[in-house]
Amino acid sequence: MKRILLVEDEILISLNSSMLLEDEGFAVDVAFNGEQGLDLALARSPDLIVTDYMMPRMDGLTFIMEARARGVTVPILLTTSMPEKGLSETYRGGHDAYLAKPYNAEQLLALVRRLLG
């Protein structure tokens, strides 16, 4: 069973997305900010990470850079309502795919399946 780490501070999105992914047969770990996400990414070795951008404590871009710096090599899907070209200029990349919010179940599942091969 593939394990997905979902890093999302909005409770409804977190609940809906985690239930959707679990219904599709994935094991899902949920973190509500980037700090928790980094701890879980290092401890649980997910097969895929889905992370929001705007979160408390550590935003998604910092989370991605920290995870990559610490050797996390799994695919990362970045979700945000901000256009991808509007991401911070100090961000050097690191995500493998981008999904604009609001997104629907089919969009999320299609990207998850593509990233997991």
Protein backbone atom coordinates (compact mmCIF):
# COMPACT_ATOMS: atom_id res chain seq x y z
CA MET A 1 0.00 0.00 0.00
CA LYS A 2 1.39 3.39 -1.00
CA ARG A 3 1.73 5.98 1.78
CA ILE A 4 0.88 9.63 1.16
CA LEU A 5 1.76 12.50 3.45
CA LEU A 6 -0.83 15.28 3.26
CA VAL A 7 0.36 18.61 4.68
CA GLU A 8 -2.65 20.93 4.83
CA ASP A 9 -3.75 23.42 7.50
CA GLU A 10 -7.35 23.83 6.32
CA ILE A 11 -9.34 21.23 8.23
CA LEU A 12 -12.09 20.66 5.62
CA ILE A 13 -9.62 20.27 2.77
CA SER A 14 -7.49 17.99 4.92
CA LEU A 15 -10.45 15.79 5.87
CA ASN A 16 -11.90 15.63 2.37
CA SER A 17 -8.58 14.92 0.69
CA SER A 18 -7.45 12.33 3.21
CA MET A 19 -10.79 10.48 3.02
CA LEU A 20 -10.68 10.56 -0.78
CA LEU A 21 -7.16 9.16 -0.85
CA GLU A 22 -7.95 6.50 1.76
CA ASP A 23 -11.03 5.46 -0.24
CA GLU A 24 -8.68 4.93 -3.20
CA GLY A 25 -6.56 2.55 -1.14
CA PHE A 26 -3.74 4.80 0.03
CA ALA A 27 -2.43 5.04 3.59
CA VAL A 28 -2.54 8.73 4.53
CA ASP A 29 -0.66 10.62 7.21
CA VAL A 30 -1.85 14.18 7.87
CA ALA A 31 0.13 17.17 9.15
CA PHE A 32 -1.40 20.59 9.75
CA ASN A 33 1.72 22.70 9.21
CA GLY A 34 5.14 22.44 7.62
CA GLU A 35 6.96 21.61 10.85
CA GLN A 36 4.70 18.62 11.52
CA GLY A 37 5.00 17.68 7.86
CA LEU A 38 8.78 17.65 7.98
CA ASP A 39 8.77 15.47 11.09
CA LEU A 40 6.36 13.00 9.46
CA ALA A 41 8.23 13.01 6.14
CA LEU A 42 11.43 12.02 7.92
CA ALA A 43 9.79 9.49 10.27
CA ARG A 44 7.26 7.76 7.99
CA SER A 45 9.02 7.64 4.59
CA PRO A 46 5.96 8.41 2.42
CA ASP A 47 5.82 7.49 -1.26
CA LEU A 48 4.34 10.90 -2.12
CA ILE A 49 3.86 14.23 -0.39
CA VAL A 50 0.94 16.58 -1.08
CA THR A 51 1.51 19.97 0.52
CA ASP A 52 -0.25 23.29 0.70
CA TYR A 53 1.75 26.49 0.28
CA MET A 54 0.29 28.92 2.82
CA MET A 55 0.45 27.36 6.29
CA PRO A 56 1.40 28.44 9.80
CA ARG A 57 4.80 27.72 11.41
CA MET A 58 6.48 26.70 8.16
CA ASP A 59 5.04 27.42 4.74
CA GLY A 60 4.96 24.84 1.98
CA LEU A 61 7.92 26.24 0.05
CA THR A 62 10.15 26.20 3.12
CA PHE A 63 8.86 22.72 3.94
CA ILE A 64 9.80 21.49 0.46
CA MET A 65 13.27 23.05 0.61
CA GLU A 66 13.90 21.61 4.09
CA ALA A 67 12.64 18.17 3.08
CA ARG A 68 14.84 18.11 -0.02
CA ALA A 69 17.85 19.35 1.98
CA ARG A 70 17.34 16.45 4.40
CA GLY A 71 17.29 13.85 1.66
CA VAL A 72 13.57 13.45 0.92
CA THR A 73 13.46 12.43 -2.74
CA VAL A 74 9.84 11.30 -3.18
CA PRO A 75 7.55 13.24 -5.53
CA ILE A 76 5.98 16.36 -4.05
CA LEU A 77 2.69 17.86 -5.23
CA LEU A 78 2.28 21.53 -4.30
CA THR A 79 -1.28 22.83 -3.93
CA THR A 80 -2.12 26.52 -3.64
CA SER A 81 -4.51 29.20 -4.77
CA MET A 82 -1.49 31.29 -5.80
CA PRO A 83 -0.48 31.00 -9.46
CA GLU A 84 2.70 28.94 -9.82
CA LYS A 85 4.51 31.84 -11.47
CA GLY A 86 3.71 33.95 -8.39
CA LEU A 87 5.72 31.77 -6.00
CA SER A 88 8.52 33.46 -4.10
CA GLU A 89 11.51 34.31 -6.24
CA THR A 90 13.78 32.90 -3.53
CA TYR A 91 12.18 29.48 -3.97
CA ARG A 92 14.42 27.24 -6.05
CA GLY A 93 11.79 24.69 -6.97
CA GLY A 94 11.65 21.20 -5.60
CA HIS A 95 8.06 20.22 -6.24
CA ASP A 96 7.25 17.77 -9.01
CA ALA A 97 3.75 18.96 -9.81
CA TYR A 98 1.44 21.88 -9.07
CA LEU A 99 -2.30 21.83 -8.45
CA ALA A 100 -4.29 25.05 -8.27
CA LYS A 101 -6.90 25.44 -5.53
CA PRO A 102 -9.75 24.93 -5.57
CA TYR A 103 -9.30 21.52 -7.13
CA ASN A 104 -11.69 18.62 -7.55
CA ALA A 105 -11.29 14.97 -6.64
CA GLU A 106 -10.52 13.85 -10.19
CA GLN A 107 -7.72 16.40 -10.57
CA LEU A 108 -6.09 15.36 -7.29
CA LEU A 109 -6.37 11.64 -8.02
CA ALA A 110 -5.03 12.00 -11.55
CA LEU A 111 -1.92 13.81 -10.33
CA VAL A 112 -1.38 11.40 -7.44
CA ARG A 113 -1.58 8.41 -9.78
CA ARG A 114 0.77 10.05 -12.29
CA LEU A 115 3.34 10.92 -9.64
CA LEU A 116 3.23 7.44 -8.13
CA GLY A 117 3.73 5.89 -11.56
